[in-house]
């Protein structure tokens, strides 16, 4: 039990360390990634207004069949990138949310870059 609590504390500490330096504005919002054991979520957030501008997840109807794999994470990144470009958002700040920048998190970023979003 202590190992699970320690993992959560370490993740919270990394997340806080990252978020104290990263914030999003209306012109350059923050792209936040969250992954659970079964789903992936991406939000593009304007921290000044406190609102979510664009979101995509593996639970949405058009992305329903996506699993937690690197290939499917790239598809999710492309989907959120296309939604961002539809709303005329072409640049953002990437928030890895305490996760290491490899695997699924890196694949989401690469998919968004492939769609035309700049970090």
Foldseek 3Di string as FASTA:
>chain_A
DVVVVVVVVLLVVLLVVQVVPDAAAPQAWEWEWDDDQWKIKIFTAHVVVGDTDFIDMCVDPVNVPAGQFLVSLLVRLLVRLVVCVVVVHAEYHYRDSSDDCDTSNVSSVVSSVVNRHYD
